[in-house]
């Protein structure tokens, strides 16, 4: 007779993969609740196994950690060596996990009718990763075929214009970023906009007088779904201002961050809100 085994898989601050049994604390109509405690080093949770099968639909019920929530539900796994140490939990942190009732073990799916691709990117993560600045990127990104660029022109507190939207040619693997002219339209700031798989809402309280405007640049790495943000003022073209990382706040399915100098707030989620 087989013995059930429930355990968490994690890495410590030496990036060594380890396991630890988890305890089922209670069950209700919302799901199954487990507790992880007693880890005496910095740690990062990477997978939950119930009855020796990895499960998805895992939520952190008592702490916020977007990186852990992404990886623990990423059944295809990611490169653990790129996880920054500042995403690790500190020693002895108690983590409470909730597993939805419909969570199941890994199911093997065989698909054999994908079209032939020149370059085999990309995995789109269920929970995007984020950055608050852009490093060595400019508005000319044709030499970086994996970067998707969207630029929003904000000249009013009530609406904004999609200045340009460039999309990577994933079908043909070309090192070009064709502009989708159908994307160039006016969007009400009260509405949630969908762009490149993201849901975006921009709020501005800036007083736009004398024809001034801001260009909000959103770069997305199609390989990792990382999001890079910056903006510039119409009177300082080419001078990009980073968003203030200390204003970053986690929200359900994404994040919110501010640029006080331009009175801008942007919220990005992986689902409609």
C-alpha atoms as a PDB file:
ATOM      1  CA  UNK A   1       0.000   0.000   0.000  1.00  0.00           C
ATOM      2  CA  UNK A   2       1.401   3.406  -1.019  1.00  0.00           C
ATOM      3  CA  UNK A   3       2.012   6.088   1.557  1.00  0.00           C
ATOM      4  CA  UNK A   4       0.816   9.618   0.838  1.00  0.00           C
ATOM      5  CA  UNK A   5       3.478  12.278   1.065  1.00  0.00           C
ATOM      6  CA  UNK A   6       2.854  16.038   1.124  1.00  0.00           C
ATOM      7  CA  UNK A   7       5.881  18.285   0.964  1.00  0.00           C
ATOM      8  CA  UNK A   8       7.181  21.638  -0.231  1.00  0.00           C
ATOM      9  CA  UNK A   9      10.204  21.996  -2.493  1.00  0.00           C
ATOM     10  CA  UNK A  10      12.374  25.077  -1.949  1.00  0.00           C
ATOM     11  CA  UNK A  11      15.835  26.496  -2.537  1.00  0.00           C
ATOM     12  CA  UNK A  12      18.023  27.962   0.185  1.00  0.00           C
ATOM     13  CA  UNK A  13      20.354  30.943  -0.194  1.00  0.00           C
ATOM     14  CA  UNK A  14      22.974  28.690  -1.816  1.00  0.00           C
ATOM     15  CA  UNK A  15      20.377  27.790  -4.501  1.00  0.00           C
ATOM     16  CA  UNK A  16      20.344  24.182  -3.293  1.00  0.00           C
ATOM     17  CA  UNK A  17      17.002  22.443  -3.848  1.00  0.00           C
ATOM     18  CA  UNK A  18      15.556  20.950  -0.654  1.00  0.00           C
ATOM     19  CA  UNK A  19      12.263  19.520   0.541  1.00  0.00           C
ATOM     20  CA  UNK A  20      10.261  19.754   3.752  1.00  0.00           C
ATOM     21  CA  UNK A  21       6.982  18.090   4.801  1.00  0.00           C
ATOM     22  CA  UNK A  22       3.928  20.360   4.986  1.00  0.00           C
ATOM     23  CA  UNK A  23       1.051  20.015   7.423  1.00  0.00           C
ATOM     24  CA  UNK A  24      -2.603  20.137   6.402  1.00  0.00           C
ATOM     25  CA  UNK A  25      -4.178  22.482   8.932  1.00  0.00           C
ATOM     26  CA  UNK A  26      -7.787  22.533   7.773  1.00  0.00           C
ATOM     27  CA  UNK A  27     -10.146  22.163   4.829  1.00  0.00           C
ATOM     28  CA  UNK A  28     -13.176  24.234   3.865  1.00  0.00           C
ATOM     29  CA  UNK A  29     -15.202  25.004   0.751  1.00  0.00           C
ATOM     30  CA  UNK A  30     -12.432  27.336  -0.482  1.00  0.00           C
ATOM     31  CA  UNK A  31      -9.767  24.636  -0.522  1.00  0.00           C
ATOM     32  CA  UNK A  32      -7.021  22.935   1.459  1.00  0.00           C
ATOM     33  CA  UNK A  33      -4.779  24.932   3.801  1.00  0.00           C
ATOM     34  CA  UNK A  34      -1.181  23.960   4.575  1.00  0.00           C
ATOM     35  CA  UNK A  35       1.545  25.470   6.730  1.00  0.00           C
ATOM     36  CA  UNK A  36       5.283  25.742   6.007  1.00  0.00           C
ATOM     37  CA  UNK A  37       7.543  26.606   8.949  1.00  0.00           C
ATOM     38  CA  UNK A  38      10.799  25.748  10.668  1.00  0.00           C
ATOM     39  CA  UNK A  39      13.156  26.610   7.790  1.00  0.00           C
ATOM     40  CA  UNK A  40      16.267  28.103   9.383  1.00  0.00           C
ATOM     41  CA  UNK A  41      17.808  29.788   6.341  1.00  0.00           C
ATOM     42  CA  UNK A  42      16.676  32.225   3.672  1.00  0.00           C
ATOM     43  CA  UNK A  43      14.412  30.282   1.337  1.00  0.00           C
ATOM     44  CA  UNK A  44      12.297  30.481  -1.811  1.00  0.00           C
ATOM     45  CA  UNK A  45       9.366  28.117  -2.399  1.00  0.00           C
ATOM     46  CA  UNK A  46       9.376  26.531  -5.855  1.00  0.00           C
ATOM     47  CA  UNK A  47       6.833  23.676  -5.826  1.00  0.00           C
ATOM     48  CA  UNK A  48       4.150  21.986  -3.714  1.00  0.00           C
ATOM     49  CA  UNK A  49       3.662  18.222  -3.896  1.00  0.00           C
ATOM     50  CA  UNK A  50       0.548  16.496  -2.560  1.00  0.00           C
ATOM     51  CA  UNK A  51       0.450  12.731  -2.555  1.00  0.00           C
ATOM     52  CA  UNK A  52       3.807  12.910  -4.372  1.00  0.00           C
ATOM     53  CA  UNK A  53       2.290  14.858  -7.281  1.00  0.00           C
ATOM     54  CA  UNK A  54       3.061  18.475  -8.061  1.00  0.00           C
ATOM     55  CA  UNK A  55      -0.008  20.718  -7.944  1.00  0.00           C
ATOM     56  CA  UNK A  56      -0.956  24.150  -9.228  1.00  0.00           C
ATOM     57  CA  UNK A  57      -3.537  26.636  -8.008  1.00  0.00           C
ATOM     58  CA  UNK A  58      -1.366  27.407  -4.967  1.00  0.00           C
ATOM     59  CA  UNK A  59      -1.863  30.746  -3.189  1.00  0.00           C
ATOM     60  CA  UNK A  60       0.109  32.435  -0.410  1.00  0.00           C
ATOM     61  CA  UNK A  61      -2.576  33.295   2.115  1.00  0.00           C
ATOM     62  CA  UNK A  62      -0.600  35.221   4.756  1.00  0.00           C
ATOM     63  CA  UNK A  63       2.253  36.915   2.848  1.00  0.00           C
ATOM     64  CA  UNK A  64       2.752  38.719  -0.468  1.00  0.00           C
ATOM     65  CA  UNK A  65       5.501  37.524  -2.786  1.00  0.00           C
ATOM     66  CA  UNK A  66       4.761  37.833  -6.514  1.00  0.00           C
ATOM     67  CA  UNK A  67       7.901  35.924  -7.525  1.00  0.00           C
ATOM     68  CA  UNK A  68       7.063  32.902  -5.359  1.00  0.00           C
ATOM     69  CA  UNK A  69       3.421  32.935  -6.488  1.00  0.00           C
ATOM     70  CA  UNK A  70       4.644  32.836 -10.100  1.00  0.00           C
ATOM     71  CA  UNK A  71       7.261  30.104  -9.770  1.00  0.00           C
ATOM     72  CA  UNK A  72       5.289  27.781  -7.477  1.00  0.00           C
ATOM     73  CA  UNK A  73       2.521  27.618 -10.105  1.00  0.00           C
ATOM     74  CA  UNK A  74       4.844  27.438 -13.117  1.00  0.00           C
ATOM     75  CA  UNK A  75       4.629  23.744 -13.949  1.00  0.00           C
ATOM     76  CA  UNK A  76       7.266  24.009 -16.679  1.00  0.00           C
ATOM     77  CA  UNK A  77       9.736  25.442 -14.139  1.00  0.00           C
ATOM     78  CA  UNK A  78      12.141  28.339 -14.643  1.00  0.00           C
ATOM     79  CA  UNK A  79      15.875  28.888 -14.225  1.00  0.00           C
ATOM     80  CA  UNK A  80      16.197  28.999 -10.443  1.00  0.00           C
ATOM     81  CA  UNK A  81      19.640  30.599 -10.593  1.00  0.00           C
ATOM     82  CA  UNK A  82      18.169  33.884 -11.865  1.00  0.00           C
ATOM     83  CA  UNK A  83      15.888  34.361  -8.836  1.00  0.00           C
ATOM     84  CA  UNK A  84      17.249  37.371  -6.881  1.00  0.00           C
ATOM     85  CA  UNK A  85      17.979  36.872  -3.196  1.00  0.00           C
ATOM     86  CA  UNK A  86      15.736  39.797  -2.249  1.00  0.00           C
ATOM     87  CA  UNK A  87      12.757  37.650  -3.287  1.00  0.00           C
ATOM     88  CA  UNK A  88      13.661  35.016  -0.676  1.00  0.00           C
ATOM     89  CA  UNK A  89      11.820  34.673   2.632  1.00  0.00           C
ATOM     90  CA  UNK A  90      13.872  35.228   5.776  1.00  0.00           C
ATOM     91  CA  UNK A  91      14.622  32.320   8.143  1.00  0.00           C
ATOM     92  CA  UNK A  92      11.777  30.992  10.310  1.00  0.00           C
ATOM     93  CA  UNK A  93       9.117  32.777   8.248  1.00  0.00           C
ATOM     94  CA  UNK A  94       5.821  30.915   8.526  1.00  0.00           C
ATOM     95  CA  UNK A  95       4.052  30.505   5.189  1.00  0.00           C
ATOM     96  CA  UNK A  96       0.427  29.485   4.871  1.00  0.00           C
ATOM     97  CA  UNK A  97      -0.598  27.960   1.547  1.00  0.00           C
ATOM     98  CA  UNK A  98      -4.067  27.539   0.094  1.00  0.00           C
ATOM     99  CA  UNK A  99      -4.745  25.012  -2.643  1.00  0.00           C
ATOM    100  CA  UNK A 100      -7.990  25.418  -4.543  1.00  0.00           C
ATOM    101  CA  UNK A 101     -10.292  22.403  -4.598  1.00  0.00           C
ATOM    102  CA  UNK A 102      -9.912  22.023  -8.357  1.00  0.00           C
ATOM    103  CA  UNK A 103      -6.103  21.841  -8.148  1.00  0.00           C
ATOM    104  CA  UNK A 104      -4.799  18.650  -9.718  1.00  0.00           C
ATOM    105  CA  UNK A 105      -1.524  16.983 -10.461  1.00  0.00           C
ATOM    106  CA  UNK A 106       0.432  17.591 -13.642  1.00  0.00           C
ATOM    107  CA  UNK A 107      -1.424  16.408 -16.736  1.00  0.00           C
ATOM    108  CA  UNK A 108       0.548  15.375 -19.797  1.00  0.00           C
ATOM    109  CA  UNK A 109      -0.698  17.022 -22.965  1.00  0.00           C
ATOM    110  CA  UNK A 110       0.683  16.117 -26.390  1.00  0.00           C
ATOM    111  CA  UNK A 111       0.343  18.690 -29.162  1.00  0.00           C
ATOM    112  CA  UNK A 112       1.925  17.961 -32.532  1.00  0.00           C
ATOM    113  CA  UNK A 113       0.380  20.505 -34.883  1.00  0.00           C
ATOM    114  CA  UNK A 114       2.410  23.621 -34.008  1.00  0.00           C
ATOM    115  CA  UNK A 115       3.610  25.535 -37.103  1.00  0.00           C
ATOM    116  CA  UNK A 116       7.337  25.514 -37.814  1.00  0.00           C
ATOM    117  CA  UNK A 117       9.036  28.520 -36.178  1.00  0.00           C
ATOM    118  CA  UNK A 118      12.402  30.047 -37.048  1.00  0.00           C
ATOM    119  CA  UNK A 119      13.052  31.154 -33.465  1.00  0.00           C
ATOM    120  CA  UNK A 120      11.490  29.169 -30.679  1.00  0.00           C
ATOM    121  CA  UNK A 121      10.533  31.731 -28.064  1.00  0.00           C
ATOM    122  CA  UNK A 122       8.486  32.179 -25.848  1.00  0.00           C
ATOM    123  CA  UNK A 123       6.947  31.119 -22.603  1.00  0.00           C
ATOM    124  CA  UNK A 124       4.476  33.672 -21.275  1.00  0.00           C
ATOM    125  CA  UNK A 125       4.348  33.499 -17.493  1.00  0.00           C
ATOM    126  CA  UNK A 126       1.012  33.348 -15.715  1.00  0.00           C
ATOM    127  CA  UNK A 127       2.237  36.029 -13.310  1.00  0.00           C
ATOM    128  CA  UNK A 128       4.521  38.582 -15.001  1.00  0.00           C
ATOM    129  CA  UNK A 129       7.781  39.702 -13.443  1.00  0.00           C
ATOM    130  CA  UNK A 130       8.484  43.433 -13.192  1.00  0.00           C
ATOM    131  CA  UNK A 131      11.149  46.119 -13.331  1.00  0.00           C
ATOM    132  CA  UNK A 132      10.831  49.807 -12.522  1.00  0.00           C
ATOM    133  CA  UNK A 133      13.338  51.141 -15.022  1.00  0.00           C
ATOM    134  CA  UNK A 134      14.765  50.529 -18.484  1.00  0.00           C
ATOM    135  CA  UNK A 135      18.432  49.715 -18.855  1.00  0.00           C
ATOM    136  CA  UNK A 136      20.203  50.533 -22.106  1.00  0.00           C
ATOM    137  CA  UNK A 137      16.964  50.649 -24.086  1.00  0.00           C
ATOM    138  CA  UNK A 138      15.847  53.527 -26.262  1.00  0.00           C
ATOM    139  CA  UNK A 139      12.860  54.102 -28.488  1.00  0.00           C
ATOM    140  CA  UNK A 140      14.840  52.384 -31.265  1.00  0.00           C
ATOM    141  CA  UNK A 141      14.610  48.694 -30.425  1.00  0.00           C
ATOM    142  CA  UNK A 142      14.733  47.096 -33.865  1.00  0.00           C
ATOM    143  CA  UNK A 143      18.013  45.398 -32.924  1.00  0.00           C
ATOM    144  CA  UNK A 144      16.275  43.701 -29.989  1.00  0.00           C
ATOM    145  CA  UNK A 145      13.655  41.479 -31.599  1.00  0.00           C
ATOM    146  CA  UNK A 146      12.516  40.063 -28.269  1.00  0.00           C
ATOM    147  CA  UNK A 147      11.417  43.458 -26.930  1.00  0.00           C
ATOM    148  CA  UNK A 148       7.823  44.579 -27.457  1.00  0.00           C
ATOM    149  CA  UNK A 149       7.404  48.346 -27.265  1.00  0.00           C
ATOM    150  CA  UNK A 150       4.260  50.333 -26.532  1.00  0.00           C
ATOM    151  CA  UNK A 151       4.239  54.117 -26.197  1.00  0.00           C
ATOM    152  CA  UNK A 152       1.292  56.060 -24.793  1.00  0.00           C
ATOM    153  CA  UNK A 153       0.928  59.825 -25.258  1.00  0.00           C
ATOM    154  CA  UNK A 154      -0.734  61.400 -22.211  1.00  0.00           C
ATOM    155  CA  UNK A 155      -1.851  64.994 -22.644  1.00  0.00           C
ATOM    156  CA  UNK A 156      -5.024  64.939 -20.571  1.00  0.00           C
ATOM    157  CA  UNK A 157      -6.247  63.523 -17.274  1.00  0.00           C
ATOM    158  CA  UNK A 158      -9.221  61.935 -19.059  1.00  0.00           C
ATOM    159  CA  UNK A 159      -7.691  60.165 -22.074  1.00  0.00           C
ATOM    160  CA  UNK A 160      -4.473  59.128 -23.756  1.00  0.00           C
ATOM    161  CA  UNK A 161      -3.393  58.178 -27.262  1.00  0.00           C
ATOM    162  CA  UNK A 162      -1.590  55.008 -28.243  1.00  0.00           C
ATOM    163  CA  UNK A 163       1.444  56.674 -29.826  1.00  0.00           C
ATOM    164  CA  UNK A 164       2.947  53.504 -31.235  1.00  0.00           C
ATOM    165  CA  UNK A 165       2.710  49.797 -30.600  1.00  0.00           C
ATOM    166  CA  UNK A 166       5.420  47.484 -31.917  1.00  0.00           C
ATOM    167  CA  UNK A 167       5.055  43.736 -31.847  1.00  0.00           C
ATOM    168  CA  UNK A 168       7.634  40.994 -32.231  1.00  0.00           C
ATOM    169  CA  UNK A 169       7.123  38.781 -35.276  1.00  0.00           C
ATOM    170  CA  UNK A 170       6.974  35.476 -33.411  1.00  0.00           C
ATOM    171  CA  UNK A 171       5.616  33.569 -36.400  1.00  0.00           C
ATOM    172  CA  UNK A 172       8.548  34.247 -38.711  1.00  0.00           C
ATOM    173  CA  UNK A 173      11.231  35.022 -36.130  1.00  0.00           C
ATOM    174  CA  UNK A 174      12.281  38.227 -37.893  1.00  0.00           C
ATOM    175  CA  UNK A 175      14.474  40.825 -36.192  1.00  0.00           C
ATOM    176  CA  UNK A 176      11.944  43.537 -36.853  1.00  0.00           C
ATOM    177  CA  UNK A 177       9.270  45.270 -34.871  1.00  0.00           C
ATOM    178  CA  UNK A 178       6.377  46.086 -37.198  1.00  0.00           C
ATOM    179  CA  UNK A 179       4.054  48.795 -35.963  1.00  0.00           C
ATOM    180  CA  UNK A 180       0.426  47.806 -35.610  1.00  0.00           C
ATOM    181  CA  UNK A 181      -1.311  50.929 -36.864  1.00  0.00           C
ATOM    182  CA  UNK A 182      -4.671  49.542 -35.792  1.00  0.00           C
ATOM    183  CA  UNK A 183      -3.505  50.086 -32.210  1.00  0.00           C
ATOM    184  CA  UNK A 184      -3.204  53.858 -32.665  1.00  0.00           C
ATOM    185  CA  UNK A 185      -6.341  55.176 -31.047  1.00  0.00           C
ATOM    186  CA  UNK A 186      -7.575  57.256 -28.135  1.00  0.00           C
ATOM    187  CA  UNK A 187      -8.213  55.427 -24.870  1.00  0.00           C
ATOM    188  CA  UNK A 188     -10.120  56.771 -21.861  1.00  0.00           C
ATOM    189  CA  UNK A 189      -8.004  56.677 -18.728  1.00  0.00           C
ATOM    190  CA  UNK A 190     -11.043  55.442 -16.826  1.00  0.00           C
ATOM    191  CA  UNK A 191     -10.948  52.248 -18.880  1.00  0.00           C
ATOM    192  CA  UNK A 192      -8.687  49.230 -18.545  1.00  0.00           C
ATOM    193  CA  UNK A 193      -6.690  48.691 -21.736  1.00  0.00           C
ATOM    194  CA  UNK A 194      -5.435  45.341 -22.963  1.00  0.00           C
ATOM    195  CA  UNK A 195      -2.056  45.354 -24.682  1.00  0.00           C
ATOM    196  CA  UNK A 196       0.327  42.484 -25.459  1.00  0.00           C
ATOM    197  CA  UNK A 197      -1.400  40.195 -23.003  1.00  0.00           C
ATOM    198  CA  UNK A 198      -1.340  42.772 -20.195  1.00  0.00           C
ATOM    199  CA  UNK A 199      -4.190  44.755 -18.683  1.00  0.00           C
ATOM    200  CA  UNK A 200      -3.165  48.359 -18.095  1.00  0.00           C
ATOM    201  CA  UNK A 201      -4.723  51.364 -16.390  1.00  0.00           C
ATOM    202  CA  UNK A 202      -3.025  54.763 -16.261  1.00  0.00           C
ATOM    203  CA  UNK A 203      -3.994  57.593 -13.905  1.00  0.00           C
ATOM    204  CA  UNK A 204      -2.656  61.135 -14.202  1.00  0.00           C
ATOM    205  CA  UNK A 205      -3.373  64.249 -12.143  1.00  0.00           C
ATOM    206  CA  UNK A 206      -0.797  66.397 -13.947  1.00  0.00           C
ATOM    207  CA  UNK A 207      -1.933  69.844 -15.153  1.00  0.00           C
ATOM    208  CA  UNK A 208      -1.346  69.678 -18.915  1.00  0.00           C
ATOM    209  CA  UNK A 209      -1.127  73.273 -20.154  1.00  0.00           C
ATOM    210  CA  UNK A 210       0.572  74.867 -23.113  1.00  0.00           C
ATOM    211  CA  UNK A 211       0.421  71.702 -25.174  1.00  0.00           C
ATOM    212  CA  UNK A 212       2.614  69.713 -22.793  1.00  0.00           C
ATOM    213  CA  UNK A 213       2.327  65.930 -22.660  1.00  0.00           C
ATOM    214  CA  UNK A 214       4.134  62.866 -21.392  1.00  0.00           C
ATOM    215  CA  UNK A 215       5.191  59.787 -23.302  1.00  0.00           C
ATOM    216  CA  UNK A 216       4.843  56.636 -21.232  1.00  0.00           C
ATOM    217  CA  UNK A 217       7.025  53.850 -22.586  1.00  0.00           C
ATOM    218  CA  UNK A 218       6.228  50.241 -21.773  1.00  0.00           C
ATOM    219  CA  UNK A 219       8.771  47.653 -22.839  1.00  0.00           C
ATOM    220  CA  UNK A 220       8.006  43.967 -22.466  1.00  0.00           C
ATOM    221  CA  UNK A 221      10.536  41.156 -22.769  1.00  0.00           C
ATOM    222  CA  UNK A 222       8.638  38.500 -24.725  1.00  0.00           C
ATOM    223  CA  UNK A 223      10.965  35.777 -23.435  1.00  0.00           C
ATOM    224  CA  UNK A 224      10.330  36.327 -19.731  1.00  0.00           C
ATOM    225  CA  UNK A 225       7.333  38.721 -19.760  1.00  0.00           C
ATOM    226  CA  UNK A 226       9.328  41.202 -17.683  1.00  0.00           C
ATOM    227  CA  UNK A 227       7.915  44.721 -17.881  1.00  0.00           C
ATOM    228  CA  UNK A 228      10.111  47.838 -18.083  1.00  0.00           C
ATOM    229  CA  UNK A 229       8.726  51.344 -17.583  1.00  0.00           C
ATOM    230  CA  UNK A 230       9.905  54.901 -18.133  1.00  0.00           C
ATOM    231  CA  UNK A 231       8.519  58.232 -19.281  1.00  0.00           C
ATOM    232  CA  UNK A 232       9.649  61.553 -20.675  1.00  0.00           C
ATOM    233  CA  UNK A 233       8.257  65.070 -20.819  1.00  0.00           C
ATOM    234  CA  UNK A 234       7.455  66.786 -24.121  1.00  0.00           C
ATOM    235  CA  UNK A 235       9.802  69.635 -23.181  1.00  0.00           C
ATOM    236  CA  UNK A 236      12.642  67.207 -22.430  1.00  0.00           C
ATOM    237  CA  UNK A 237      12.588  64.791 -25.344  1.00  0.00           C
ATOM    238  CA  UNK A 238      15.069  61.982 -24.877  1.00  0.00           C
ATOM    239  CA  UNK A 239      15.414  62.538 -21.130  1.00  0.00           C
ATOM    240  CA  UNK A 240      13.802  59.486 -19.616  1.00  0.00           C
ATOM    241  CA  UNK A 241      12.633  59.471 -16.013  1.00  0.00           C
ATOM    242  CA  UNK A 242      12.382  56.143 -14.153  1.00  0.00           C
ATOM    243  CA  UNK A 243       9.410  55.252 -12.022  1.00  0.00           C
ATOM    244  CA  UNK A 244      10.063  55.361  -8.284  1.00  0.00           C
ATOM    245  CA  UNK A 245      10.614  51.798  -7.135  1.00  0.00           C
ATOM    246  CA  UNK A 246       9.688  52.560  -3.527  1.00  0.00           C
ATOM    247  CA  UNK A 247       6.109  53.267  -4.673  1.00  0.00           C
ATOM    248  CA  UNK A 248       5.748  49.720  -6.054  1.00  0.00           C
ATOM    249  CA  UNK A 249       2.764  47.901  -4.567  1.00  0.00           C
ATOM    250  CA  UNK A 250       1.506  44.394  -5.276  1.00  0.00           C
ATOM    251  CA  UNK A 251      -2.127  44.095  -6.344  1.00  0.00           C
ATOM    252  CA  UNK A 252      -4.201  41.086  -7.301  1.00  0.00           C
ATOM    253  CA  UNK A 253      -2.585  39.644 -10.416  1.00  0.00           C
ATOM    254  CA  UNK A 254       0.013  42.366 -10.860  1.00  0.00           C
ATOM    255  CA  UNK A 255       1.437  45.604  -9.522  1.00  0.00           C
ATOM    256  CA  UNK A 256       1.025  49.381  -9.259  1.00  0.00           C
ATOM    257  CA  UNK A 257       3.826  51.944  -9.390  1.00  0.00           C
ATOM    258  CA  UNK A 258       4.078  55.750  -9.472  1.00  0.00           C
ATOM    259  CA  UNK A 259       6.128  58.483 -11.112  1.00  0.00           C
ATOM    260  CA  UNK A 260       5.533  61.471  -8.800  1.00  0.00           C
ATOM    261  CA  UNK A 261       7.465  63.925 -11.000  1.00  0.00           C
ATOM    262  CA  UNK A 262       4.821  63.525 -13.711  1.00  0.00           C
ATOM    263  CA  UNK A 263       1.901  62.714 -11.367  1.00  0.00           C
ATOM    264  CA  UNK A 264       1.535  59.358 -13.123  1.00  0.00           C
ATOM    265  CA  UNK A 265       0.347  56.053 -11.707  1.00  0.00           C
ATOM    266  CA  UNK A 266       0.326  52.884 -13.787  1.00  0.00           C
ATOM    267  CA  UNK A 267      -1.267  49.593 -12.826  1.00  0.00           C
ATOM    268  CA  UNK A 268      -0.546  46.394 -14.749  1.00  0.00           C
ATOM    269  CA  UNK A 269      -2.232  43.053 -14.122  1.00  0.00           C
ATOM    270  CA  UNK A 270      -2.463  39.703 -15.834  1.00  0.00           C
ATOM    271  CA  UNK A 271      -6.283  39.773 -15.765  1.00  0.00           C
ATOM    272  CA  UNK A 272      -9.038  42.310 -16.323  1.00  0.00           C
ATOM    273  CA  UNK A 273      -9.777  44.687 -13.456  1.00  0.00           C
END
